Amino acid sequence: MSSGTNVNLTPLHNGSVCTPNVILKATLKAASDRLHYCHVNAGSIPPKIDEFRSIFDGTQLDIVIASETWLKSYHTDKLVELCGFEAIRCDRYAKKGGGVILYIREGLNYKIVKMSDKVSSEFLFIEVIFPDSRILVGAYYKAPGVKELDVLEDVLLELT
């Protein structure tokens, strides 16, 4: 079983989130018998990393997925680390914006199944491995105006 939350951090103004962190953190609390995950449209993680950390520090989430990370190869993993999580990145190569990152709780067994390579859209799929099951988890970002949905469809067909 799994439970998910979709959060949009894009509407940040002057360093404040539209939804107060206290309310957001309360929303992210959950029972411990499931895989808990959350998706965030970050709209550029680097300038918001302290706030990002404060939101996810102490939550019971197992996976945090962020799209529109705006990370490039010159951004170090240390810059965007979350305490208690491993970070798996798929940065945008040639253009501004985009990118995805998947944070997985340390100690969870996983393997990277598929990652985009120099296409206009970024995607990343992992398989979370439990003793009695496996769960496919993915992140996908398609930039406005990009017509690459067939790439995602092909990947999903391959993975299923």
Foldseek 3Di string as FASTA:
>chain_A
DEDEEEEEQQPDDPLAGPDHLVVLLVVQADDQPHAYEYEYANLACQVNQVVVQSSPPPGSHFKYKYWQNQDDPVDDCVSRDHPQWDKDWDHAYDDGTTIMIMTGGPPFDKDWDDWDDHDQKTKTWMWTDDPVDIDIDMDIGHDPPDDVVVVVVVVVVVVD
